[in-house]
Amino acid sequence: MQSSEVASVLGGKRVLVGVSGGIASYKTCTLVSRLAQAGAEVTVLMTPAATKFVQPLTFGALSGRPVYTSQWEQVEALEVQHIQNAKRADLCIVAPSTMDLCAKLATGICEDVVCTVLAAVDRSATPVILSPSMNEVMWHQPSNQRNLKQLREDGFIVVDPASGWQACRAVGVGRMPEPEDLLALLVEVARRGGQPPAA
């Protein structure tokens, strides 16, 4: 997708990017960089596990903005942090979204900054995209599939993972799509006024 096309749609948009603890978080660095280059205001939220894979400093440098790693931080204002971030967002994406994070979102558990902020997002007005990434066996677990079904029913836009080589040295379904694919999805969702892509 051409940079000019991305900028024409996402320029000036306030995009929340949640990152959970998966190896695919290295791809999210490219996504954040492309969003920032397009003129989007990018705020990155990281679970504690995500900081084990990519340092907050990296996302801060790429986005040019503060990075949230705890729901207890007040890094920009004295307003309630999760409410402030949720209200300001035009678009949200969690990439990668691990099996653990999907389970928390599906059951309303808010014990990290990503889940706490997303719990305060009005999904009828602000689209929330989840990009699951995990081992193929984990992907097919009945509990995970139940959670994904619930998340879709609750109004989340769930991206099917790609198939290919995984960090566990296996080949199968569970890879997070490439940054360019996620960027194109964000553009399409923004163009459709927050509606998921046509099936």
N, C-alpha and C. Protein backbone atom coordinates (compact mmCIF):
# COMPACT_ATOMS: atom_id res chain seq x y z
N MET A 1 0.84 -1.19 0.00
CA MET A 1 0.00 0.00 0.00
C MET A 1 0.88 1.25 0.00
N GLN A 2 0.56 2.20 -0.86
CA GLN A 2 1.35 3.41 -0.99
C GLN A 2 1.26 4.27 0.27
N SER A 3 2.39 4.89 0.63
CA SER A 3 2.43 5.74 1.82
C SER A 3 1.43 6.87 1.74
N SER A 4 1.27 7.44 0.54
CA SER A 4 0.33 8.55 0.37
C SER A 4 -1.10 8.12 0.64
N GLU A 5 -1.43 6.90 0.24
CA GLU A 5 -2.77 6.37 0.47
C GLU A 5 -3.03 6.16 1.96
N VAL A 6 -2.03 5.61 2.64
CA VAL A 6 -2.15 5.41 4.09
C VAL A 6 -2.31 6.74 4.79
N ALA A 7 -1.49 7.72 4.41
CA ALA A 7 -1.52 9.03 5.05
C ALA A 7 -2.85 9.73 4.82
N SER A 8 -3.44 9.55 3.64
CA SER A 8 -4.71 10.23 3.34
C SER A 8 -5.85 9.71 4.22
N VAL A 9 -5.73 8.46 4.69
CA VAL A 9 -6.79 7.87 5.51
C VAL A 9 -6.46 7.95 7.01
N LEU A 10 -5.21 7.66 7.36
CA LEU A 10 -4.85 7.56 8.78
C LEU A 10 -4.15 8.79 9.33
N GLY A 11 -3.77 9.72 8.46
CA GLY A 11 -3.12 10.94 8.92
C GLY A 11 -4.02 11.68 9.89
N GLY A 12 -3.49 12.02 11.07
CA GLY A 12 -4.28 12.73 12.07
C GLY A 12 -5.13 11.84 12.95
N LYS A 13 -5.24 10.56 12.61
CA LYS A 13 -6.01 9.63 13.44
C LYS A 13 -5.23 9.31 14.72
N ARG A 14 -5.96 9.11 15.79
CA ARG A 14 -5.34 8.72 17.06
C ARG A 14 -5.50 7.21 17.20
N VAL A 15 -4.38 6.51 17.11
CA VAL A 15 -4.39 5.05 17.07
C VAL A 15 -3.75 4.48 18.32
N LEU A 16 -4.49 3.65 19.02
CA LEU A 16 -3.93 2.91 20.16
C LEU A 16 -3.41 1.58 19.65
N VAL A 17 -2.17 1.27 19.97
CA VAL A 17 -1.58 -0.02 19.59
C VAL A 17 -1.25 -0.78 20.87
N GLY A 18 -1.98 -1.85 21.11
CA GLY A 18 -1.68 -2.71 22.25
C GLY A 18 -0.72 -3.80 21.83
N VAL A 19 0.21 -4.13 22.73
CA VAL A 19 1.20 -5.17 22.45
C VAL A 19 1.21 -6.13 23.63
N SER A 20 0.99 -7.42 23.35
CA SER A 20 1.08 -8.42 24.42
C SER A 20 2.31 -9.30 24.18
N GLY A 21 2.54 -10.22 25.10
CA GLY A 21 3.82 -10.92 25.16
C GLY A 21 4.02 -12.06 24.20
N GLY A 22 4.18 -11.75 22.93
CA GLY A 22 4.48 -12.76 21.93
C GLY A 22 5.68 -12.35 21.11
N ILE A 23 6.37 -13.33 20.56
CA ILE A 23 7.57 -13.05 19.77
C ILE A 23 7.23 -12.18 18.56
N ALA A 24 6.00 -12.25 18.08
CA ALA A 24 5.60 -11.45 16.91
C ALA A 24 5.60 -9.96 17.19
N SER A 25 5.82 -9.56 18.44
CA SER A 25 5.83 -8.13 18.76
C SER A 25 6.91 -7.37 18.00
N TYR A 26 7.93 -8.09 17.52
CA TYR A 26 8.96 -7.40 16.72
C TYR A 26 8.35 -6.83 15.44
N LYS A 27 7.30 -7.49 14.91
CA LYS A 27 6.64 -6.98 13.71
C LYS A 27 5.86 -5.70 14.01
N THR A 28 5.41 -5.58 15.24
CA THR A 28 4.61 -4.41 15.62
C THR A 28 5.45 -3.15 15.58
N CYS A 29 6.76 -3.28 15.72
CA CYS A 29 7.64 -2.12 15.60
C CYS A 29 7.48 -1.48 14.21
N THR A 30 7.44 -2.31 13.18
CA THR A 30 7.27 -1.80 11.82
C THR A 30 5.90 -1.16 11.65
N LEU A 31 4.87 -1.78 12.22
CA LEU A 31 3.52 -1.23 12.13
C LEU A 31 3.45 0.16 12.77
N VAL A 32 4.03 0.29 13.96
CA VAL A 32 4.02 1.58 14.65
C VAL A 32 4.79 2.62 13.85
N SER A 33 5.91 2.23 13.28
CA SER A 33 6.70 3.15 12.47
C SER A 33 5.92 3.64 11.26
N ARG A 34 5.25 2.72 10.57
CA ARG A 34 4.47 3.09 9.38
C ARG A 34 3.31 4.02 9.74
N LEU A 35 2.67 3.75 10.86
CA LEU A 35 1.57 4.60 11.31
C LEU A 35 2.07 6.01 11.61
N ALA A 36 3.20 6.08 12.30
CA ALA A 36 3.76 7.40 12.64
C ALA A 36 4.17 8.15 11.37
N GLN A 37 4.76 7.44 10.41
CA GLN A 37 5.17 8.08 9.16
C GLN A 37 3.96 8.59 8.37
N ALA A 38 2.81 7.94 8.57
CA ALA A 38 1.59 8.35 7.88
C ALA A 38 0.93 9.55 8.55
N GLY A 39 1.48 9.98 9.68
CA GLY A 39 0.92 11.13 10.37
C GLY A 39 -0.09 10.80 11.44
N ALA A 40 -0.21 9.51 11.79
CA ALA A 40 -1.12 9.13 12.87
C ALA A 40 -0.47 9.45 14.21
N GLU A 41 -1.29 9.74 15.20
CA GLU A 41 -0.82 9.91 16.57
C GLU A 41 -0.92 8.55 17.24
N VAL A 42 0.21 7.91 17.46
CA VAL A 42 0.24 6.52 17.93
C VAL A 42 0.59 6.46 19.41
N THR A 43 -0.26 5.82 20.18
CA THR A 43 0.01 5.57 21.59
C THR A 43 0.12 4.06 21.79
N VAL A 44 1.25 3.62 22.30
CA VAL A 44 1.50 2.19 22.49
C VAL A 44 1.25 1.81 23.95
N LEU A 45 0.50 0.73 24.12
CA LEU A 45 0.23 0.14 25.43
C LEU A 45 0.88 -1.24 25.44
N MET A 46 1.62 -1.58 26.51
CA MET A 46 2.33 -2.85 26.56
C MET A 46 2.00 -3.61 27.84
N THR A 47 1.74 -4.91 27.71
CA THR A 47 1.62 -5.75 28.89
C THR A 47 3.02 -5.97 29.47
N PRO A 48 3.13 -6.37 30.74
CA PRO A 48 4.45 -6.67 31.30
C PRO A 48 5.21 -7.71 30.48
N ALA A 49 4.50 -8.72 29.98
CA ALA A 49 5.16 -9.75 29.18
C ALA A 49 5.70 -9.19 27.87
N ALA A 50 5.00 -8.21 27.29
CA ALA A 50 5.46 -7.63 26.02
C ALA A 50 6.81 -6.94 26.18
N THR A 51 7.06 -6.36 27.35
CA THR A 51 8.33 -5.66 27.57
C THR A 51 9.52 -6.61 27.64
N LYS A 52 9.25 -7.91 27.74
CA LYS A 52 10.33 -8.90 27.72
C LYS A 52 10.83 -9.14 26.29
N PHE A 53 10.00 -8.80 25.30
CA PHE A 53 10.35 -9.03 23.90
C PHE A 53 10.86 -7.76 23.22
N VAL A 54 10.22 -6.63 23.49
CA VAL A 54 10.62 -5.35 22.92
C VAL A 54 10.62 -4.31 24.03
N GLN A 55 11.65 -3.51 24.11
CA GLN A 55 11.73 -2.48 25.13
C GLN A 55 10.76 -1.34 24.84
N PRO A 56 10.13 -0.77 25.86
CA PRO A 56 9.27 0.40 25.66
C PRO A 56 9.99 1.54 24.95
N LEU A 57 11.29 1.67 25.20
CA LEU A 57 12.08 2.72 24.56
C LEU A 57 11.98 2.63 23.04
N THR A 58 11.95 1.40 22.52
CA THR A 58 11.86 1.21 21.07
C THR A 58 10.56 1.79 20.53
N PHE A 59 9.45 1.44 21.17
CA PHE A 59 8.16 1.96 20.70
C PHE A 59 8.05 3.46 20.92
N GLY A 60 8.66 3.96 21.99
CA GLY A 60 8.65 5.40 22.21
C GLY A 60 9.38 6.15 21.12
N ALA A 61 10.53 5.60 20.69
CA ALA A 61 11.30 6.23 19.62
C ALA A 61 10.55 6.18 18.29
N LEU A 62 9.89 5.06 18.03
CA LEU A 62 9.19 4.90 16.75
C LEU A 62 7.91 5.73 16.68
N SER A 63 7.22 5.86 17.81
CA SER A 63 5.95 6.59 17.82
C SER A 63 6.14 8.07 18.11
N GLY A 64 7.23 8.41 18.78
CA GLY A 64 7.43 9.80 19.19
C GLY A 64 6.52 10.21 20.33
N ARG A 65 5.99 9.22 21.05
CA ARG A 65 5.06 9.49 22.15
C ARG A 65 5.35 8.59 23.34
N PRO A 66 4.82 8.97 24.52
CA PRO A 66 5.00 8.11 25.69
C PRO A 66 4.39 6.73 25.47
N VAL A 67 4.98 5.75 26.12
CA VAL A 67 4.51 4.37 26.05
C VAL A 67 4.00 3.98 27.44
N TYR A 68 2.82 3.36 27.47
CA TYR A 68 2.25 2.93 28.74
C TYR A 68 2.55 1.46 28.99
N THR A 69 3.11 1.16 30.16
CA THR A 69 3.41 -0.23 30.51
C THR A 69 2.68 -0.67 31.79
N SER A 70 1.96 0.25 32.40
CA SER A 70 1.21 -0.06 33.62
C SER A 70 -0.05 0.79 33.66
N GLN A 71 -1.10 0.21 34.22
CA GLN A 71 -2.35 0.97 34.35
C GLN A 71 -2.27 2.02 35.45
N TRP A 72 -1.16 2.03 36.18
CA TRP A 72 -1.00 2.98 37.28
C TRP A 72 -0.21 4.22 36.88
N GLU A 73 0.30 4.27 35.65
CA GLU A 73 1.09 5.41 35.20
C GLU A 73 0.21 6.59 34.82
N GLN A 74 0.67 7.78 35.10
CA GLN A 74 0.04 9.01 34.63
C GLN A 74 1.13 9.80 33.91
N VAL A 75 1.33 9.50 32.65
CA VAL A 75 2.48 10.07 31.95
C VAL A 75 2.16 11.33 31.16
N GLU A 76 0.87 11.64 30.98
CA GLU A 76 0.54 12.82 30.18
C GLU A 76 -0.37 13.82 30.89
N ALA A 77 -1.25 13.33 31.76
CA ALA A 77 -2.19 14.24 32.40
C ALA A 77 -2.66 13.63 33.71
N LEU A 78 -3.40 14.41 34.47
CA LEU A 78 -3.91 13.93 35.74
C LEU A 78 -5.27 13.24 35.59
N GLU A 79 -5.78 13.19 34.37
CA GLU A 79 -7.04 12.48 34.15
C GLU A 79 -6.83 10.98 34.37
N VAL A 80 -7.92 10.28 34.63
CA VAL A 80 -7.83 8.83 34.81
C VAL A 80 -7.28 8.23 33.52
N GLN A 81 -6.16 7.54 33.64
CA GLN A 81 -5.39 7.15 32.46
C GLN A 81 -6.16 6.29 31.47
N HIS A 82 -6.82 5.23 31.96
CA HIS A 82 -7.46 4.33 31.00
C HIS A 82 -8.67 4.98 30.34
N ILE A 83 -9.37 5.84 31.06
CA ILE A 83 -10.51 6.53 30.47
C ILE A 83 -10.04 7.55 29.43
N GLN A 84 -9.00 8.28 29.77
CA GLN A 84 -8.46 9.30 28.85
C GLN A 84 -8.02 8.66 27.54
N ASN A 85 -7.23 7.59 27.63
CA ASN A 85 -6.74 6.93 26.42
C ASN A 85 -7.87 6.32 25.61
N ALA A 86 -8.84 5.73 26.28
CA ALA A 86 -9.96 5.10 25.57
C ALA A 86 -10.80 6.13 24.83
N LYS A 87 -11.07 7.27 25.47
CA LYS A 87 -11.91 8.29 24.86
C LYS A 87 -11.24 8.96 23.67
N ARG A 88 -9.92 9.09 23.71
CA ARG A 88 -9.21 9.82 22.66
C ARG A 88 -9.01 8.99 21.40
N ALA A 89 -9.11 7.68 21.50
CA ALA A 89 -8.75 6.81 20.38
C ALA A 89 -9.76 6.84 19.25
N ASP A 90 -9.26 6.88 18.01
CA ASP A 90 -10.10 6.72 16.83
C ASP A 90 -10.10 5.27 16.35
N LEU A 91 -8.98 4.60 16.55
CA LEU A 91 -8.80 3.20 16.15
C LEU A 91 -7.93 2.51 17.19
N CYS A 92 -8.18 1.22 17.40
CA CYS A 92 -7.34 0.42 18.31
C CYS A 92 -6.97 -0.89 17.63
N ILE A 93 -5.75 -1.33 17.88
CA ILE A 93 -5.33 -2.65 17.40
C ILE A 93 -4.41 -3.28 18.44
N VAL A 94 -4.58 -4.56 18.68
CA VAL A 94 -3.68 -5.31 19.56
C VAL A 94 -2.94 -6.31 18.70
N ALA A 95 -1.63 -6.14 18.61
CA ALA A 95 -0.81 -6.99 17.75
C ALA A 95 0.57 -7.16 18.38
N PRO A 96 0.94 -8.35 18.79
CA PRO A 96 0.12 -9.56 18.78
C PRO A 96 -0.86 -9.60 19.94
N SER A 97 -1.90 -10.37 19.75
CA SER A 97 -2.85 -10.65 20.82
C SER A 97 -2.69 -12.13 21.18
N THR A 98 -2.10 -12.38 22.33
CA THR A 98 -1.81 -13.75 22.74
C THR A 98 -3.08 -14.47 23.21
N MET A 99 -2.95 -15.78 23.37
CA MET A 99 -4.06 -16.57 23.89
C MET A 99 -4.48 -16.05 25.25
N ASP A 100 -3.52 -15.68 26.08
CA ASP A 100 -3.78 -15.16 27.42
C ASP A 100 -4.56 -13.86 27.35
N LEU A 101 -4.14 -12.95 26.48
CA LEU A 101 -4.82 -11.66 26.38
C LEU A 101 -6.24 -11.84 25.84
N CYS A 102 -6.41 -12.70 24.86
CA CYS A 102 -7.76 -12.96 24.32
C CYS A 102 -8.68 -13.48 25.42
N ALA A 103 -8.15 -14.37 26.26
CA ALA A 103 -8.96 -14.92 27.36
C ALA A 103 -9.36 -13.83 28.34
N LYS A 104 -8.44 -12.92 28.63
CA LYS A 104 -8.76 -11.83 29.57
C LYS A 104 -9.81 -10.90 28.99
N LEU A 105 -9.65 -10.54 27.72
CA LEU A 105 -10.63 -9.64 27.10
C LEU A 105 -12.00 -10.29 27.00
N ALA A 106 -12.03 -11.59 26.75
CA ALA A 106 -13.31 -12.29 26.59
C ALA A 106 -14.06 -12.41 27.92
N THR A 107 -13.33 -12.36 29.03
CA THR A 107 -13.96 -12.54 30.34
C THR A 107 -13.93 -11.27 31.19
N GLY A 108 -13.40 -10.18 30.63
CA GLY A 108 -13.43 -8.91 31.35
C GLY A 108 -12.41 -8.76 32.45
N ILE A 109 -11.32 -9.51 32.38
CA ILE A 109 -10.25 -9.37 33.38
C ILE A 109 -9.36 -8.20 32.99
N CYS A 110 -9.17 -7.27 33.91
CA CYS A 110 -8.40 -6.05 33.63
C CYS A 110 -7.22 -5.95 34.58
N GLU A 111 -6.17 -6.71 34.32
CA GLU A 111 -5.03 -6.70 35.23
C GLU A 111 -3.76 -6.15 34.58
N ASP A 112 -3.89 -5.59 33.38
CA ASP A 112 -2.76 -4.91 32.74
C ASP A 112 -3.30 -3.70 31.99
N VAL A 113 -2.39 -2.87 31.52
CA VAL A 113 -2.83 -1.61 30.91
C VAL A 113 -3.58 -1.82 29.60
N VAL A 114 -3.23 -2.85 28.84
CA VAL A 114 -3.92 -3.10 27.57
C VAL A 114 -5.38 -3.45 27.82
N CYS A 115 -5.62 -4.42 28.69
CA CYS A 115 -7.00 -4.84 28.97
C CYS A 115 -7.80 -3.74 29.65
N THR A 116 -7.15 -3.00 30.54
CA THR A 116 -7.86 -1.95 31.27
C THR A 116 -8.31 -0.83 30.33
N VAL A 117 -7.44 -0.41 29.43
CA VAL A 117 -7.82 0.64 28.48
C VAL A 117 -8.89 0.13 27.53
N LEU A 118 -8.71 -1.07 26.98
CA LEU A 118 -9.70 -1.59 26.02
C LEU A 118 -11.06 -1.81 26.66
N ALA A 119 -11.08 -2.10 27.97
CA ALA A 119 -12.36 -2.26 28.65
C ALA A 119 -13.15 -0.96 28.68
N ALA A 120 -12.44 0.17 28.55
CA ALA A 120 -13.10 1.48 28.60
C ALA A 120 -13.41 2.04 27.21
N VAL A 121 -13.06 1.29 26.16
CA VAL A 121 -13.33 1.75 24.79
C VAL A 121 -14.76 1.40 24.40
N ASP A 122 -15.47 2.39 23.89
CA ASP A 122 -16.83 2.16 23.38
C ASP A 122 -16.69 1.60 21.97
N ARG A 123 -16.85 0.29 21.83
CA ARG A 123 -16.61 -0.36 20.54
C ARG A 123 -17.70 -0.04 19.51
N SER A 124 -18.79 0.55 19.94
CA SER A 124 -19.80 0.97 18.97
C SER A 124 -19.35 2.22 18.22
N ALA A 125 -18.36 2.92 18.77
CA ALA A 125 -17.85 4.14 18.15
C ALA A 125 -16.39 4.02 17.72
N THR A 126 -15.64 3.18 18.41
CA THR A 126 -14.20 3.05 18.15
C THR A 126 -13.86 1.59 17.88
N PRO A 127 -13.46 1.24 16.67
CA PRO A 127 -13.17 -0.17 16.37
C PRO A 127 -11.92 -0.66 17.10
N VAL A 128 -12.00 -1.91 17.55
CA VAL A 128 -10.87 -2.56 18.21
C VAL A 128 -10.54 -3.83 17.43
N ILE A 129 -9.34 -3.86 16.85
CA ILE A 129 -8.88 -5.00 16.05
C ILE A 129 -7.95 -5.85 16.89
N LEU A 130 -8.15 -7.15 16.90
CA LEU A 130 -7.26 -8.08 17.58
C LEU A 130 -6.57 -8.95 16.54
N SER A 131 -5.25 -9.06 16.67
CA SER A 131 -4.49 -9.90 15.74
C SER A 131 -3.84 -11.03 16.54
N PRO A 132 -4.57 -12.15 16.72
CA PRO A 132 -4.02 -13.25 17.51
C PRO A 132 -2.74 -13.82 16.91
N SER A 133 -1.86 -14.23 17.79
CA SER A 133 -0.60 -14.85 17.36
C SER A 133 -0.19 -15.86 18.42
N MET A 134 -0.04 -17.12 17.99
CA MET A 134 0.30 -18.17 18.94
C MET A 134 0.64 -19.45 18.18
N ASN A 135 1.13 -20.42 18.91
CA ASN A 135 1.41 -21.74 18.37
C ASN A 135 0.13 -22.37 17.81
N GLU A 136 0.28 -23.19 16.77
CA GLU A 136 -0.90 -23.77 16.11
C GLU A 136 -1.77 -24.57 17.07
N VAL A 137 -1.16 -25.35 17.97
CA VAL A 137 -1.94 -26.14 18.92
C VAL A 137 -2.74 -25.21 19.83
N MET A 138 -2.10 -24.13 20.28
CA MET A 138 -2.79 -23.16 21.13
C MET A 138 -3.95 -22.51 20.37
N TRP A 139 -3.71 -22.19 19.12
CA TRP A 139 -4.75 -21.57 18.30
C TRP A 139 -6.01 -22.44 18.23
N HIS A 140 -5.82 -23.75 18.08
CA HIS A 140 -6.95 -24.66 17.90
C HIS A 140 -7.56 -25.14 19.21
N GLN A 141 -7.00 -24.77 20.35
CA GLN A 141 -7.58 -25.21 21.62
C GLN A 141 -9.03 -24.77 21.72
N PRO A 142 -9.92 -25.65 22.19
CA PRO A 142 -11.33 -25.28 22.32
C PRO A 142 -11.54 -24.01 23.15
N SER A 143 -10.77 -23.85 24.22
CA SER A 143 -10.93 -22.66 25.05
C SER A 143 -10.60 -21.39 24.27
N ASN A 144 -9.57 -21.44 23.44
CA ASN A 144 -9.21 -20.27 22.64
C ASN A 144 -10.28 -19.97 21.60
N GLN A 145 -10.78 -21.00 20.94
CA GLN A 145 -11.81 -20.78 19.93
C GLN A 145 -13.10 -20.25 20.56
N ARG A 146 -13.43 -20.71 21.77
CA ARG A 146 -14.59 -20.17 22.47
C ARG A 146 -14.40 -18.69 22.78
N ASN A 147 -13.19 -18.35 23.24
CA ASN A 147 -12.92 -16.94 23.56
C ASN A 147 -12.98 -16.06 22.32
N LEU A 148 -12.45 -16.54 21.21
CA LEU A 148 -12.48 -15.76 19.97
C LEU A 148 -13.91 -15.56 19.49
N LYS A 149 -14.73 -16.60 19.61
CA LYS A 149 -16.15 -16.48 19.24
C LYS A 149 -16.83 -15.43 20.10
N GLN A 150 -16.54 -15.44 21.39
CA GLN A 150 -17.13 -14.46 22.30
C GLN A 150 -16.65 -13.05 21.97
N LEU A 151 -15.37 -12.91 21.65
CA LEU A 151 -14.83 -11.60 21.32
C LEU A 151 -15.50 -11.03 20.07
N ARG A 152 -15.72 -11.87 19.07
CA ARG A 152 -16.41 -11.41 17.86
C ARG A 152 -17.84 -10.98 18.18
N GLU A 153 -18.51 -11.77 19.01
CA GLU A 153 -19.88 -11.42 19.40
C GLU A 153 -19.91 -10.12 20.20
N ASP A 154 -18.83 -9.85 20.92
CA ASP A 154 -18.74 -8.63 21.73
C ASP A 154 -18.32 -7.40 20.93
N GLY A 155 -18.10 -7.58 19.64
CA GLY A 155 -17.82 -6.43 18.79
C GLY A 155 -16.37 -6.19 18.45
N PHE A 156 -15.48 -7.09 18.85
CA PHE A 156 -14.08 -6.97 18.44
C PHE A 156 -13.93 -7.46 16.99
N ILE A 157 -13.02 -6.87 16.26
CA ILE A 157 -12.68 -7.35 14.92
C ILE A 157 -11.47 -8.28 15.08
N VAL A 158 -11.66 -9.56 14.85
CA VAL A 158 -10.59 -10.54 15.06
C VAL A 158 -10.00 -10.93 13.71
N VAL A 159 -8.69 -10.76 13.58
CA VAL A 159 -7.98 -11.09 12.34
C VAL A 159 -7.53 -12.54 12.40
N ASP A 160 -7.86 -13.32 11.39
CA ASP A 160 -7.36 -14.70 11.36
C ASP A 160 -5.85 -14.68 11.16
N PRO A 161 -5.12 -15.52 11.90
CA PRO A 161 -3.67 -15.56 11.72
C PRO A 161 -3.28 -16.22 10.40
N ALA A 162 -2.05 -15.98 10.03
CA ALA A 162 -1.51 -16.58 8.81
C ALA A 162 -0.91 -17.95 9.14
N SER A 163 -0.57 -18.67 8.11
CA SER A 163 0.07 -19.97 8.27
C SER A 163 1.51 -19.88 7.81
N GLY A 164 2.39 -20.60 8.50
CA GLY A 164 3.80 -20.59 8.10
C GLY A 164 4.71 -21.00 9.24
N TRP A 165 5.98 -20.65 9.10
CA TRP A 165 7.00 -21.00 10.08
C TRP A 165 6.75 -20.25 11.38
N GLN A 166 6.82 -20.97 12.51
CA GLN A 166 6.60 -20.37 13.81
C GLN A 166 7.87 -20.47 14.66
N ALA A 167 7.95 -19.62 15.66
CA ALA A 167 9.14 -19.56 16.50
C ALA A 167 9.38 -20.88 17.25
N CYS A 168 8.32 -21.69 17.41
CA CYS A 168 8.46 -22.97 18.10
C CYS A 168 9.03 -24.05 17.18
N ARG A 169 9.48 -23.62 16.00
CA ARG A 169 10.10 -24.53 15.01
C ARG A 169 9.09 -25.48 14.38
N ALA A 170 7.86 -25.01 14.28
CA ALA A 170 6.81 -25.77 13.62
C ALA A 170 6.24 -24.93 12.50
N VAL A 171 5.52 -25.57 11.60
CA VAL A 171 4.84 -24.86 10.52
C VAL A 171 3.35 -25.08 10.70
N GLY A 172 2.60 -23.99 10.74
CA GLY A 172 1.17 -24.13 10.93
C GLY A 172 0.48 -22.78 11.05
N VAL A 173 -0.78 -22.82 11.42
CA VAL A 173 -1.59 -21.61 11.58
C VAL A 173 -1.26 -20.96 12.92
N GLY A 174 -1.16 -19.65 12.93
CA GLY A 174 -0.92 -18.95 14.19
C GLY A 174 0.00 -17.75 14.05
N ARG A 175 0.60 -17.57 12.88
CA ARG A 175 1.50 -16.43 12.67
C ARG A 175 0.70 -15.12 12.59
N MET A 176 1.23 -14.09 13.22
CA MET A 176 0.62 -12.77 13.06
C MET A 176 0.84 -12.30 11.63
N PRO A 177 -0.19 -11.74 10.99
CA PRO A 177 0.01 -11.22 9.63
C PRO A 177 1.14 -10.18 9.59
N GLU A 178 1.66 -9.94 8.41
CA GLU A 178 2.75 -8.98 8.27
C GLU A 178 2.25 -7.55 8.53
N PRO A 179 3.15 -6.67 8.96
CA PRO A 179 2.75 -5.28 9.27
C PRO A 179 1.99 -4.60 8.14
N GLU A 180 2.41 -4.82 6.90
CA GLU A 180 1.72 -4.18 5.77
C GLU A 180 0.27 -4.65 5.66
N ASP A 181 0.02 -5.92 5.98
CA ASP A 181 -1.34 -6.44 5.93
C ASP A 181 -2.20 -5.80 7.03
N LEU A 182 -1.62 -5.65 8.21
CA LEU A 182 -2.36 -5.02 9.31
C LEU A 182 -2.59 -3.54 9.03
N LEU A 183 -1.61 -2.90 8.41
CA LEU A 183 -1.77 -1.49 8.04
C LEU A 183 -2.91 -1.33 7.04
N ALA A 184 -2.96 -2.22 6.06
CA ALA A 184 -4.03 -2.18 5.06
C ALA A 184 -5.39 -2.41 5.71
N LEU A 185 -5.43 -3.29 6.71
CA LEU A 185 -6.68 -3.54 7.42
C LEU A 185 -7.13 -2.29 8.19
N LEU A 186 -6.19 -1.62 8.85
CA LEU A 186 -6.53 -0.38 9.56
C LEU A 186 -7.10 0.66 8.60
N VAL A 187 -6.50 0.76 7.43
CA VAL A 187 -6.98 1.71 6.42
C VAL A 187 -8.40 1.33 6.00
N GLU A 188 -8.63 0.06 5.75
CA GLU A 188 -9.97 -0.38 5.30
C GLU A 188 -11.02 -0.15 6.37
N VAL A 189 -10.68 -0.47 7.62
CA VAL A 189 -11.64 -0.26 8.72
C VAL A 189 -11.94 1.22 8.88
N ALA A 190 -10.91 2.06 8.77
CA ALA A 190 -11.12 3.51 8.89
C ALA A 190 -12.01 4.02 7.75
N ARG A 191 -11.78 3.51 6.55
CA ARG A 191 -12.60 3.92 5.40
C ARG A 191 -14.04 3.49 5.55
N ARG A 192 -14.26 2.37 6.18
CA ARG A 192 -15.61 1.83 6.35
C ARG A 192 -16.29 2.38 7.59
N GLY A 193 -15.71 3.42 8.18
CA GLY A 193 -16.33 4.04 9.34
C GLY A 193 -16.34 3.15 10.57
N GLY A 194 -15.29 2.32 10.69
CA GLY A 194 -15.17 1.45 11.84
C GLY A 194 -15.77 0.07 11.67
N GLN A 195 -16.36 -0.18 10.53
CA GLN A 195 -16.96 -1.49 10.29
C GLN A 195 -15.90 -2.49 9.85
N PRO A 196 -16.06 -3.76 10.21
CA PRO A 196 -15.08 -4.77 9.76
C PRO A 196 -15.12 -4.93 8.25
N PRO A 197 -14.04 -5.45 7.67
CA PRO A 197 -14.00 -5.66 6.23
C PRO A 197 -15.11 -6.60 5.76
N ALA A 198 -15.51 -6.44 4.53
CA ALA A 198 -16.53 -7.33 3.97
C ALA A 198 -15.98 -8.74 3.93
N ALA A 199 -16.82 -9.71 4.25
CA ALA A 199 -16.39 -11.11 4.26
C ALA A 199 -16.10 -11.59 2.85
